[in-house]
Amino acid sequence: MRRYWLRHRAALGTEGAFFLADDYEPLTAGGVHFITTRLGERASAFPCTPHRFRHTFAVNAIRAGTGLLQLQQMLGHTDLTMVRRYVKLAEGDIAEAAQKHSPFDHMRLTL
């Protein structure tokens, strides 16, 4: 991604679509799907689709401590239902997050 940015996008600035076609128009959803699927085939990484990247981003964001409301906004969803469905956390991730952010566990009590 960094190499693509430096070679093809940096001169155009930060406005607009990240991925551009040869005519500098934004890639269509079909174009992004085609490219990611093709790269996945070349790397023997199946399935490799834009949705997989989006799902992986969402799961990693939750594991890194991003709140559901922030993730909802980053993903552009209007409702938390999609975020919950999108990011199916393992029970261990939820328990770990609860302990990590528990107010009781972070109190400095001396007895």
PDB file of N, CA and C in Angstrom:
ATOM      1  N   MET A   1       0.828  -1.170   0.000  1.00  0.00           N
ATOM      2  CA  MET A   1       0.000   0.000   0.000  1.00  0.00           C
ATOM      3  C   MET A   1       0.889   1.257   0.000  1.00  0.00           C
ATOM      4  N   ARG A   2       1.933   1.205   0.810  1.00  0.00           N
ATOM      5  CA  ARG A   2       2.831   2.361   0.868  1.00  0.00           C
ATOM      6  C   ARG A   2       3.516   2.576  -0.481  1.00  0.00           C
ATOM      7  N   ARG A   3       3.973   1.479  -1.072  1.00  0.00           N
ATOM      8  CA  ARG A   3       4.644   1.578  -2.373  1.00  0.00           C
ATOM      9  C   ARG A   3       3.687   2.133  -3.429  1.00  0.00           C
ATOM     10  N   TYR A   4       2.439   1.650  -3.418  1.00  0.00           N
ATOM     11  CA  TYR A   4       1.434   2.154  -4.358  1.00  0.00           C
ATOM     12  C   TYR A   4       1.246   3.660  -4.159  1.00  0.00           C
ATOM     13  N   TRP A   5       1.123   4.063  -2.888  1.00  0.00           N
ATOM     14  CA  TRP A   5       0.921   5.485  -2.589  1.00  0.00           C
ATOM     15  C   TRP A   5       2.083   6.314  -3.124  1.00  0.00           C
ATOM     16  N   LEU A   6       3.302   5.882  -2.825  1.00  0.00           N
ATOM     17  CA  LEU A   6       4.469   6.659  -3.228  1.00  0.00           C
ATOM     18  C   LEU A   6       4.620   6.720  -4.741  1.00  0.00           C
ATOM     19  N   ARG A   7       4.333   5.638  -5.427  1.00  0.00           N
ATOM     20  CA  ARG A   7       4.506   5.603  -6.885  1.00  0.00           C
ATOM     21  C   ARG A   7       3.380   6.273  -7.654  1.00  0.00           C
ATOM     22  N   HIS A   8       2.138   6.087  -7.170  1.00  0.00           N
ATOM     23  CA  HIS A   8       1.002   6.461  -8.008  1.00  0.00           C
ATOM     24  C   HIS A   8       0.073   7.515  -7.430  1.00  0.00           C
ATOM     25  N   ARG A   9       0.073   7.686  -6.110  1.00  0.00           N
ATOM     26  CA  ARG A   9      -0.947   8.538  -5.515  1.00  0.00           C
ATOM     27  C   ARG A   9      -0.424   9.804  -4.857  1.00  0.00           C
ATOM     28  N   ALA A  10       0.793   9.802  -4.364  1.00  0.00           N
ATOM     29  CA  ALA A  10       1.306  10.908  -3.548  1.00  0.00           C
ATOM     30  C   ALA A  10       1.200  12.254  -4.257  1.00  0.00           C
ATOM     31  N   ALA A  11       1.497  12.298  -5.537  1.00  0.00           N
ATOM     32  CA  ALA A  11       1.474  13.566  -6.276  1.00  0.00           C
ATOM     33  C   ALA A  11       0.064  14.140  -6.395  1.00  0.00           C
ATOM     34  N   LEU A  12      -0.956  13.304  -6.236  1.00  0.00           N
ATOM     35  CA  LEU A  12      -2.339  13.762  -6.388  1.00  0.00           C
ATOM     36  C   LEU A  12      -2.933  14.277  -5.082  1.00  0.00           C
ATOM     37  N   GLY A  13      -2.222  14.115  -3.977  1.00  0.00           N
ATOM     38  CA  GLY A  13      -2.729  14.590  -2.690  1.00  0.00           C
ATOM     39  C   GLY A  13      -3.598  13.559  -1.998  1.00  0.00           C
ATOM     40  N   THR A  14      -4.196  13.974  -0.908  1.00  0.00           N
ATOM     41  CA  THR A  14      -4.955  13.035  -0.074  1.00  0.00           C
ATOM     42  C   THR A  14      -6.449  13.043  -0.358  1.00  0.00           C
ATOM     43  N   GLU A  15      -6.905  13.923  -1.207  1.00  0.00           N
ATOM     44  CA  GLU A  15      -8.332  13.990  -1.509  1.00  0.00           C
ATOM     45  C   GLU A  15      -8.730  12.893  -2.490  1.00  0.00           C
ATOM     46  N   GLY A  16      -9.937  12.440  -2.373  1.00  0.00           N
ATOM     47  CA  GLY A  16     -10.482  11.481  -3.326  1.00  0.00           C
ATOM     48  C   GLY A  16     -10.166  10.044  -2.997  1.00  0.00           C
ATOM     49  N   ALA A  17     -10.465   9.182  -3.937  1.00  0.00           N
ATOM     50  CA  ALA A  17     -10.298   7.737  -3.761  1.00  0.00           C
ATOM     51  C   ALA A  17      -8.823   7.374  -3.642  1.00  0.00           C
ATOM     52  N   PHE A  18      -8.552   6.350  -2.865  1.00  0.00           N
ATOM     53  CA  PHE A  18      -7.173   5.889  -2.692  1.00  0.00           C
ATOM     54  C   PHE A  18      -6.697   5.142  -3.933  1.00  0.00           C
ATOM     55  N   PHE A  19      -7.506   4.192  -4.406  1.00  0.00           N
ATOM     56  CA  PHE A  19      -7.140   3.399  -5.570  1.00  0.00           C
ATOM     57  C   PHE A  19      -7.729   4.019  -6.828  1.00  0.00           C
ATOM     58  N   LEU A  20      -6.850   4.242  -7.810  1.00  0.00           N
ATOM     59  CA  LEU A  20      -7.278   4.860  -9.059  1.00  0.00           C
ATOM     60  C   LEU A  20      -6.961   3.955 -10.235  1.00  0.00           C
ATOM     61  N   ALA A  21      -7.798   4.044 -11.254  1.00  0.00           N
ATOM     62  CA  ALA A  21      -7.573   3.306 -12.496  1.00  0.00           C
ATOM     63  C   ALA A  21      -6.518   4.045 -13.322  1.00  0.00           C
ATOM     64  N   ASP A  22      -6.150   3.494 -14.456  1.00  0.00           N
ATOM     65  CA  ASP A  22      -5.132   4.103 -15.317  1.00  0.00           C
ATOM     66  C   ASP A  22      -5.509   5.520 -15.770  1.00  0.00           C
ATOM     67  N   ASP A  23      -6.818   5.798 -15.857  1.00  0.00           N
ATOM     68  CA  ASP A  23      -7.266   7.125 -16.293  1.00  0.00           C
ATOM     69  C   ASP A  23      -7.460   8.083 -15.104  1.00  0.00           C
ATOM     70  N   TYR A  24      -6.951   7.707 -13.922  1.00  0.00           N
ATOM     71  CA  TYR A  24      -7.022   8.497 -12.691  1.00  0.00           C
ATOM     72  C   TYR A  24      -8.428   8.646 -12.140  1.00  0.00           C
ATOM     73  N   GLU A  25      -9.337   7.861 -12.629  1.00  0.00           N
ATOM     74  CA  GLU A  25     -10.687   7.812 -12.063  1.00  0.00           C
ATOM     75  C   GLU A  25     -10.674   6.777 -10.938  1.00  0.00           C
ATOM     76  N   PRO A  26     -11.546   6.948  -9.938  1.00  0.00           N
ATOM     77  CA  PRO A  26     -11.587   5.953  -8.853  1.00  0.00           C
ATOM     78  C   PRO A  26     -11.932   4.564  -9.396  1.00  0.00           C
ATOM     79  N   LEU A  27     -11.276   3.554  -8.844  1.00  0.00           N
ATOM     80  CA  LEU A  27     -11.621   2.184  -9.218  1.00  0.00           C
ATOM     81  C   LEU A  27     -13.053   1.906  -8.807  1.00  0.00           C
ATOM     82  N   THR A  28     -13.756   1.161  -9.608  1.00  0.00           N
ATOM     83  CA  THR A  28     -15.106   0.759  -9.241  1.00  0.00           C
ATOM     84  C   THR A  28     -15.008  -0.366  -8.211  1.00  0.00           C
ATOM     85  N   ALA A  29     -16.114  -0.674  -7.560  1.00  0.00           N
ATOM     86  CA  ALA A  29     -16.134  -1.783  -6.602  1.00  0.00           C
ATOM     87  C   ALA A  29     -15.736  -3.084  -7.306  1.00  0.00           C
ATOM     88  N   GLY A  30     -16.200  -3.253  -8.541  1.00  0.00           N
ATOM     89  CA  GLY A  30     -15.828  -4.439  -9.310  1.00  0.00           C
ATOM     90  C   GLY A  30     -14.341  -4.498  -9.604  1.00  0.00           C
ATOM     91  N   GLY A  31     -13.742  -3.335  -9.881  1.00  0.00           N
ATOM     92  CA  GLY A  31     -12.308  -3.277 -10.141  1.00  0.00           C
ATOM     93  C   GLY A  31     -11.494  -3.646  -8.919  1.00  0.00           C
ATOM     94  N   VAL A  32     -11.883  -3.134  -7.752  1.00  0.00           N
ATOM     95  CA  VAL A  32     -11.189  -3.476  -6.505  1.00  0.00           C
ATOM     96  C   VAL A  32     -11.330  -4.969  -6.232  1.00  0.00           C
ATOM     97  N   HIS A  33     -12.530  -5.510  -6.432  1.00  0.00           N
ATOM     98  CA  HIS A  33     -12.764  -6.940  -6.208  1.00  0.00           C
ATOM     99  C   HIS A  33     -11.896  -7.777  -7.145  1.00  0.00           C
ATOM    100  N   PHE A  34     -11.852  -7.407  -8.405  1.00  0.00           N
ATOM    101  CA  PHE A  34     -11.059  -8.141  -9.387  1.00  0.00           C
ATOM    102  C   PHE A  34      -9.581  -8.159  -8.998  1.00  0.00           C
ATOM    103  N   ILE A  35      -9.054  -6.996  -8.642  1.00  0.00           N
ATOM    104  CA  ILE A  35      -7.632  -6.902  -8.305  1.00  0.00           C
ATOM    105  C   ILE A  35      -7.304  -7.702  -7.048  1.00  0.00           C
ATOM    106  N   THR A  36      -8.100  -7.561  -5.996  1.00  0.00           N
ATOM    107  CA  THR A  36      -7.792  -8.283  -4.753  1.00  0.00           C
ATOM    108  C   THR A  36      -7.927  -9.789  -4.945  1.00  0.00           C
ATOM    109  N   THR A  37      -8.918 -10.216  -5.697  1.00  0.00           N
ATOM    110  CA  THR A  37      -9.095 -11.645  -5.947  1.00  0.00           C
ATOM    111  C   THR A  37      -7.908 -12.191  -6.735  1.00  0.00           C
ATOM    112  N   ARG A  38      -7.479 -11.450  -7.734  1.00  0.00           N
ATOM    113  CA  ARG A  38      -6.348 -11.876  -8.569  1.00  0.00           C
ATOM    114  C   ARG A  38      -5.048 -11.935  -7.757  1.00  0.00           C
ATOM    115  N   LEU A  39      -4.809 -10.929  -6.933  1.00  0.00           N
ATOM    116  CA  LEU A  39      -3.610 -10.936  -6.080  1.00  0.00           C
ATOM    117  C   LEU A  39      -3.659 -12.102  -5.089  1.00  0.00           C
ATOM    118  N   GLY A  40      -4.844 -12.378  -4.575  1.00  0.00           N
ATOM    119  CA  GLY A  40      -5.002 -13.510  -3.664  1.00  0.00           C
ATOM    120  C   GLY A  40      -4.684 -14.830  -4.337  1.00  0.00           C
ATOM    121  N   GLU A  41      -5.111 -14.983  -5.574  1.00  0.00           N
ATOM    122  CA  GLU A  41      -4.794 -16.204  -6.334  1.00  0.00           C
ATOM    123  C   GLU A  41      -3.291 -16.337  -6.532  1.00  0.00           C
ATOM    124  N   ARG A  42      -2.643 -15.234  -6.889  1.00  0.00           N
ATOM    125  CA  ARG A  42      -1.183 -15.263  -7.100  1.00  0.00           C
ATOM    126  C   ARG A  42      -0.440 -15.590  -5.817  1.00  0.00           C
ATOM    127  N   ALA A  43      -0.982 -15.179  -4.683  1.00  0.00           N
ATOM    128  CA  ALA A  43      -0.324 -15.420  -3.392  1.00  0.00           C
ATOM    129  C   ALA A  43      -0.819 -16.701  -2.729  1.00  0.00           C
ATOM    130  N   SER A  44      -1.716 -17.425  -3.408  1.00  0.00           N
ATOM    131  CA  SER A  44      -2.346 -18.633  -2.844  1.00  0.00           C
ATOM    132  C   SER A  44      -3.013 -18.342  -1.503  1.00  0.00           C
ATOM    133  N   ALA A  45      -3.650 -17.188  -1.411  1.00  0.00           N
ATOM    134  CA  ALA A  45      -4.374 -16.778  -0.202  1.00  0.00           C
ATOM    135  C   ALA A  45      -5.858 -16.724  -0.537  1.00  0.00           C
ATOM    136  N   PHE A  46      -6.598 -17.716  -0.081  1.00  0.00           N
ATOM    137  CA  PHE A  46      -8.023 -17.799  -0.411  1.00  0.00           C
ATOM    138  C   PHE A  46      -8.846 -17.735   0.856  1.00  0.00           C
ATOM    139  N   PRO A  47     -10.002 -17.130   0.900  1.00  0.00           N
ATOM    140  CA  PRO A  47     -10.451 -16.180  -0.115  1.00  0.00           C
ATOM    141  C   PRO A  47      -9.820 -14.820   0.132  1.00  0.00           C
ATOM    142  N   CYS A  48      -9.521 -14.135  -0.912  1.00  0.00           N
ATOM    143  CA  CYS A  48      -8.926 -12.799  -0.810  1.00  0.00           C
ATOM    144  C   CYS A  48      -9.872 -11.843  -1.533  1.00  0.00           C
ATOM    145  N   THR A  49     -10.681 -11.164  -0.760  1.00  0.00           N
ATOM    146  CA  THR A  49     -11.678 -10.248  -1.308  1.00  0.00           C
ATOM    147  C   THR A  49     -11.677  -8.961  -0.490  1.00  0.00           C
ATOM    148  N   PRO A  50     -12.233  -7.888  -1.027  1.00  0.00           N
ATOM    149  CA  PRO A  50     -12.344  -6.656  -0.236  1.00  0.00           C
ATOM    150  C   PRO A  50     -13.098  -6.888   1.075  1.00  0.00           C
ATOM    151  N   HIS A  51     -14.123  -7.722   1.036  1.00  0.00           N
ATOM    152  CA  HIS A  51     -14.885  -7.995   2.260  1.00  0.00           C
ATOM    153  C   HIS A  51     -14.005  -8.652   3.317  1.00  0.00           C
ATOM    154  N   ARG A  52     -13.123  -9.549   2.909  1.00  0.00           N
ATOM    155  CA  ARG A  52     -12.206 -10.201   3.851  1.00  0.00           C
ATOM    156  C   ARG A  52     -11.289  -9.169   4.506  1.00  0.00           C
ATOM    157  N   PHE A  53     -10.773  -8.221   3.716  1.00  0.00           N
ATOM    158  CA  PHE A  53      -9.937  -7.159   4.273  1.00  0.00           C
ATOM    159  C   PHE A  53     -10.732  -6.320   5.274  1.00  0.00           C
ATOM    160  N   ARG A  54     -11.958  -5.986   4.917  1.00  0.00           N
ATOM    161  CA  ARG A  54     -12.815  -5.183   5.790  1.00  0.00           C
ATOM    162  C   ARG A  54     -13.110  -5.926   7.089  1.00  0.00           C
ATOM    163  N   HIS A  55     -13.422  -7.200   6.972  1.00  0.00           N
ATOM    164  CA  HIS A  55     -13.699  -8.019   8.153  1.00  0.00           C
ATOM    165  C   HIS A  55     -12.450  -8.125   9.032  1.00  0.00           C
ATOM    166  N   THR A  56     -11.305  -8.388   8.432  1.00  0.00           N
ATOM    167  CA  THR A  56     -10.050  -8.506   9.172  1.00  0.00           C
ATOM    168  C   THR A  56      -9.725  -7.185   9.873  1.00  0.00           C
ATOM    169  N   PHE A  57      -9.918  -6.066   9.167  1.00  0.00           N
ATOM    170  CA  PHE A  57      -9.707  -4.762   9.785  1.00  0.00           C
ATOM    171  C   PHE A  57     -10.601  -4.597  11.008  1.00  0.00           C
ATOM    172  N   ALA A  58     -11.877  -4.936  10.876  1.00  0.00           N
ATOM    173  CA  ALA A  58     -12.828  -4.761  11.971  1.00  0.00           C
ATOM    174  C   ALA A  58     -12.448  -5.619  13.183  1.00  0.00           C
ATOM    175  N   VAL A  59     -12.123  -6.883  12.951  1.00  0.00           N
ATOM    176  CA  VAL A  59     -11.745  -7.776  14.048  1.00  0.00           C
ATOM    177  C   VAL A  59     -10.474  -7.280  14.729  1.00  0.00           C
ATOM    178  N   ASN A  60      -9.476  -6.894  13.953  1.00  0.00           N
ATOM    179  CA  ASN A  60      -8.228  -6.396  14.539  1.00  0.00           C
ATOM    180  C   ASN A  60      -8.445  -5.087  15.297  1.00  0.00           C
ATOM    181  N   ALA A  61      -9.332  -4.240  14.817  1.00  0.00           N
ATOM    182  CA  ALA A  61      -9.628  -2.989  15.516  1.00  0.00           C
ATOM    183  C   ALA A  61     -10.254  -3.273  16.878  1.00  0.00           C
ATOM    184  N   ILE A  62     -11.179  -4.229  16.926  1.00  0.00           N
ATOM    185  CA  ILE A  62     -11.802  -4.604  18.201  1.00  0.00           C
ATOM    186  C   ILE A  62     -10.758  -5.181  19.142  1.00  0.00           C
ATOM    187  N   ARG A  63      -9.916  -6.060  18.644  1.00  0.00           N
ATOM    188  CA  ARG A  63      -8.866  -6.668  19.478  1.00  0.00           C
ATOM    189  C   ARG A  63      -7.884  -5.622  19.998  1.00  0.00           C
ATOM    190  N   ALA A  64      -7.712  -4.531  19.254  1.00  0.00           N
ATOM    191  CA  ALA A  64      -6.797  -3.464  19.664  1.00  0.00           C
ATOM    192  C   ALA A  64      -7.466  -2.479  20.620  1.00  0.00           C
ATOM    193  N   GLY A  65      -8.753  -2.686  20.904  1.00  0.00           N
ATOM    194  CA  GLY A  65      -9.439  -1.847  21.878  1.00  0.00           C
ATOM    195  C   GLY A  65     -10.339  -0.774  21.299  1.00  0.00           C
ATOM    196  N   THR A  66     -10.560  -0.764  19.997  1.00  0.00           N
ATOM    197  CA  THR A  66     -11.466   0.212  19.398  1.00  0.00           C
ATOM    198  C   THR A  66     -12.882  -0.076  19.876  1.00  0.00           C
ATOM    199  N   GLY A  67     -13.579   0.944  20.275  1.00  0.00           N
ATOM    200  CA  GLY A  67     -14.962   0.788  20.719  1.00  0.00           C
ATOM    201  C   GLY A  67     -15.894   0.532  19.548  1.00  0.00           C
ATOM    202  N   LEU A  68     -17.033  -0.103  19.852  1.00  0.00           N
ATOM    203  CA  LEU A  68     -17.985  -0.419  18.786  1.00  0.00           C
ATOM    204  C   LEU A  68     -18.512   0.839  18.094  1.00  0.00           C
ATOM    205  N   LEU A  69     -18.731   1.906  18.866  1.00  0.00           N
ATOM    206  CA  LEU A  69     -19.240   3.131  18.243  1.00  0.00           C
ATOM    207  C   LEU A  69     -18.213   3.745  17.289  1.00  0.00           C
ATOM    208  N   GLN A  70     -16.953   3.717  17.696  1.00  0.00           N
ATOM    209  CA  GLN A  70     -15.911   4.244  16.803  1.00  0.00           C
ATOM    210  C   GLN A  70     -15.804   3.371  15.556  1.00  0.00           C
ATOM    211  N   LEU A  71     -15.851   2.056  15.747  1.00  0.00           N
ATOM    212  CA  LEU A  71     -15.760   1.141  14.611  1.00  0.00           C
ATOM    213  C   LEU A  71     -16.952   1.328  13.677  1.00  0.00           C
ATOM    214  N   GLN A  72     -18.115   1.507  14.253  1.00  0.00           N
ATOM    215  CA  GLN A  72     -19.312   1.749  13.441  1.00  0.00           C
ATOM    216  C   GLN A  72     -19.097   2.959  12.541  1.00  0.00           C
ATOM    217  N   GLN A  73     -18.546   4.018  13.114  1.00  0.00           N
ATOM    218  CA  GLN A  73     -18.311   5.236  12.332  1.00  0.00           C
ATOM    219  C   GLN A  73     -17.245   5.001  11.264  1.00  0.00           C
ATOM    220  N   MET A  74     -16.156   4.301  11.621  1.00  0.00           N
ATOM    221  CA  MET A  74     -15.092   4.047  10.642  1.00  0.00           C
ATOM    222  C   MET A  74     -15.597   3.200   9.477  1.00  0.00           C
ATOM    223  N   LEU A  75     -16.470   2.232   9.771  1.00  0.00           N
ATOM    224  CA  LEU A  75     -16.988   1.365   8.718  1.00  0.00           C
ATOM    225  C   LEU A  75     -18.127   2.023   7.937  1.00  0.00           C
ATOM    226  N   GLY A  76     -18.683   3.093   8.495  1.00  0.00           N
ATOM    227  CA  GLY A  76     -19.757   3.795   7.798  1.00  0.00           C
ATOM    228  C   GLY A  76     -21.121   3.170   7.970  1.00  0.00           C
ATOM    229  N   HIS A  77     -21.300   2.367   9.015  1.00  0.00           N
ATOM    230  CA  HIS A  77     -22.607   1.757   9.258  1.00  0.00           C
ATOM    231  C   HIS A  77     -23.496   2.718  10.032  1.00  0.00           C
ATOM    232  N   THR A  78     -24.792   2.685   9.768  1.00  0.00           N
ATOM    233  CA  THR A  78     -25.728   3.572  10.450  1.00  0.00           C
ATOM    234  C   THR A  78     -26.223   2.977  11.754  1.00  0.00           C
ATOM    235  N   ASP A  79     -25.891   1.725  12.007  1.00  0.00           N
ATOM    236  CA  ASP A  79     -26.475   1.024  13.132  1.00  0.00           C
ATOM    237  C   ASP A  79     -25.489  -0.020  13.658  1.00  0.00           C
ATOM    238  N   LEU A  80     -25.504  -0.253  14.958  1.00  0.00           N
ATOM    239  CA  LEU A  80     -24.558  -1.196  15.566  1.00  0.00           C
ATOM    240  C   LEU A  80     -24.850  -2.652  15.216  1.00  0.00           C
ATOM    241  N   THR A  81     -26.046  -2.933  14.740  1.00  0.00           N
ATOM    242  CA  THR A  81     -26.396  -4.310  14.399  1.00  0.00           C
ATOM    243  C   THR A  81     -25.428  -4.880  13.379  1.00  0.00           C
ATOM    244  N   MET A  82     -25.115  -4.106  12.359  1.00  0.00           N
ATOM    245  CA  MET A  82     -24.187  -4.584  11.330  1.00  0.00           C
ATOM    246  C   MET A  82     -22.791  -4.774  11.903  1.00  0.00           C
ATOM    247  N   VAL A  83     -22.374  -3.879  12.786  1.00  0.00           N
ATOM    248  CA  VAL A  83     -21.041  -3.998  13.375  1.00  0.00           C
ATOM    249  C   VAL A  83     -20.951  -5.279  14.189  1.00  0.00           C
ATOM    250  N   ARG A  84     -21.993  -5.565  14.977  1.00  0.00           N
ATOM    251  CA  ARG A  84     -21.994  -6.792  15.786  1.00  0.00           C
ATOM    252  C   ARG A  84     -21.969  -8.030  14.897  1.00  0.00           C
ATOM    253  N   ARG A  85     -22.701  -7.986  13.808  1.00  0.00           N
ATOM    254  CA  ARG A  85     -22.737  -9.132  12.903  1.00  0.00           C
ATOM    255  C   ARG A  85     -21.402  -9.278  12.173  1.00  0.00           C
ATOM    256  N   TYR A  86     -20.837  -8.156  11.819  1.00  0.00           N
ATOM    257  CA  TYR A  86     -19.591  -8.118  11.058  1.00  0.00           C
ATOM    258  C   TYR A  86     -18.422  -8.639  11.883  1.00  0.00           C
ATOM    259  N   VAL A  87     -18.363  -8.220  13.134  1.00  0.00           N
ATOM    260  CA  VAL A  87     -17.242  -8.561  13.991  1.00  0.00           C
ATOM    261  C   VAL A  87     -17.698  -9.598  15.004  1.00  0.00           C
ATOM    262  N   LYS A  88     -17.588 -10.840  14.631  1.00  0.00           N
ATOM    263  CA  LYS A  88     -17.990 -11.934  15.522  1.00  0.00           C
ATOM    264  C   LYS A  88     -16.792 -12.287  16.397  1.00  0.00           C
ATOM    265  N   LEU A  89     -16.834 -11.756  17.599  1.00  0.00           N
ATOM    266  CA  LEU A  89     -15.700 -11.958  18.494  1.00  0.00           C
ATOM    267  C   LEU A  89     -15.778 -13.309  19.180  1.00  0.00           C
ATOM    268  N   ALA A  90     -14.646 -13.877  19.386  1.00  0.00           N
ATOM    269  CA  ALA A  90     -14.558 -15.118  20.159  1.00  0.00           C
ATOM    270  C   ALA A  90     -14.837 -14.795  21.621  1.00  0.00           C
ATOM    271  N   GLU A  91     -15.373 -15.738  22.353  1.00  0.00           N
ATOM    272  CA  GLU A  91     -15.675 -15.529  23.778  1.00  0.00           C
ATOM    273  C   GLU A  91     -14.435 -15.087  24.543  1.00  0.00           C
ATOM    274  N   GLY A  92     -13.291 -15.623  24.213  1.00  0.00           N
ATOM    275  CA  GLY A  92     -12.051 -15.256  24.891  1.00  0.00           C
ATOM    276  C   GLY A  92     -11.701 -13.800  24.689  1.00  0.00           C
ATOM    277  N   ASP A  93     -11.948 -13.261  23.488  1.00  0.00           N
ATOM    278  CA  ASP A  93     -11.672 -11.851  23.221  1.00  0.00           C
ATOM    279  C   ASP A  93     -12.551 -10.957  24.091  1.00  0.00           C
ATOM    280  N   ILE A  94     -13.818 -11.342  24.244  1.00  0.00           N
ATOM    281  CA  ILE A  94     -14.752 -10.543  25.030  1.00  0.00           C
ATOM    282  C   ILE A  94     -14.355 -10.567  26.506  1.00  0.00           C
ATOM    283  N   ALA A  95     -14.028 -11.764  27.026  1.00  0.00           N
ATOM    284  CA  ALA A  95     -13.623 -11.877  28.432  1.00  0.00           C
ATOM    285  C   ALA A  95     -12.347 -11.092  28.695  1.00  0.00           C
ATOM    286  N   GLU A  96     -11.403 -11.165  27.778  1.00  0.00           N
ATOM    287  CA  GLU A  96     -10.134 -10.440  27.931  1.00  0.00           C
ATOM    288  C   GLU A  96     -10.371  -8.931  27.930  1.00  0.00           C
ATOM    289  N   ALA A  97     -11.240  -8.466  27.035  1.00  0.00           N
ATOM    290  CA  ALA A  97     -11.543  -7.034  26.971  1.00  0.00           C
ATOM    291  C   ALA A  97     -12.249  -6.576  28.239  1.00  0.00           C
ATOM    292  N   ALA A  98     -13.145  -7.401  28.752  1.00  0.00           N
ATOM    293  CA  ALA A  98     -13.853  -7.046  29.988  1.00  0.00           C
ATOM    294  C   ALA A  98     -12.873  -6.894  31.147  1.00  0.00           C
ATOM    295  N   GLN A  99     -11.923  -7.787  31.251  1.00  0.00           N
ATOM    296  CA  GLN A  99     -10.943  -7.709  32.326  1.00  0.00           C
ATOM    297  C   GLN A  99     -10.013  -6.515  32.122  1.00  0.00           C
ATOM    298  N   LYS A 100      -9.595  -6.302  30.911  1.00  0.00           N
ATOM    299  CA  LYS A 100      -8.665  -5.213  30.611  1.00  0.00           C
ATOM    300  C   LYS A 100      -9.270  -3.854  30.946  1.00  0.00           C
ATOM    301  N   HIS A 101     -10.579  -3.714  30.730  1.00  0.00           N
ATOM    302  CA  HIS A 101     -11.231  -2.424  30.920  1.00  0.00           C
ATOM    303  C   HIS A 101     -12.098  -2.365  32.172  1.00  0.00           C
ATOM    304  N   SER A 102     -11.973  -3.351  33.040  1.00  0.00           N
ATOM    305  CA  SER A 102     -12.772  -3.393  34.257  1.00  0.00           C
ATOM    306  C   SER A 102     -12.332  -2.296  35.225  1.00  0.00           C
ATOM    307  N   PRO A 103     -13.256  -1.424  35.657  1.00  0.00           N
ATOM    308  CA  PRO A 103     -12.884  -0.381  36.610  1.00  0.00           C
ATOM    309  C   PRO A 103     -12.400  -0.983  37.936  1.00  0.00           C
ATOM    310  N   PHE A 104     -13.014  -2.048  38.380  1.00  0.00           N
ATOM    311  CA  PHE A 104     -12.638  -2.673  39.647  1.00  0.00           C
ATOM    312  C   PHE A 104     -11.199  -3.181  39.607  1.00  0.00           C
ATOM    313  N   ASP A 105     -10.829  -3.818  38.513  1.00  0.00           N
ATOM    314  CA  ASP A 105      -9.479  -4.367  38.404  1.00  0.00           C
ATOM    315  C   ASP A 105      -8.409  -3.276  38.330  1.00  0.00           C
ATOM    316  N   HIS A 106      -8.805  -2.040  38.010  1.00  0.00           N
ATOM    317  CA  HIS A 106      -7.834  -0.965  37.882  1.00  0.00           C
ATOM    318  C   HIS A 106      -7.811  -0.017  39.081  1.00  0.00           C
ATOM    319  N   MET A 107      -8.612  -0.315  40.105  1.00  0.00           N
ATOM    320  CA  MET A 107      -8.599   0.508  41.316  1.00  0.00           C
ATOM    321  C   MET A 107      -7.324   0.215  42.104  1.00  0.00           C
ATOM    322  N   ARG A 108      -6.787   1.232  42.663  1.00  0.00           N
ATOM    323  CA  ARG A 108      -5.582   1.066  43.481  1.00  0.00           C
ATOM    324  C   ARG A 108      -6.008   1.064  44.948  1.00  0.00           C
ATOM    325  N   LEU A 109      -6.437  -0.087  45.388  1.00  0.00           N
ATOM    326  CA  LEU A 109      -6.919  -0.240  46.763  1.00  0.00           C
ATOM    327  C   LEU A 109      -5.815  -0.826  47.630  1.00  0.00           C
ATOM    328  N   THR A 110      -5.671  -0.272  48.792  1.00  0.00           N
ATOM    329  CA  THR A 110      -4.741  -0.854  49.748  1.00  0.00           C
ATOM    330  C   THR A 110      -5.525  -1.301  50.960  1.00  0.00           C
ATOM    331  N   LEU A 111      -5.198  -2.458  51.446  1.00  0.00           N
ATOM    332  CA  LEU A 111      -5.923  -2.999  52.595  1.00  0.00           C
ATOM    333  C   LEU A 111      -5.056  -3.021  53.811  1.00  0.00           C
TER     334      LEU A 111
END
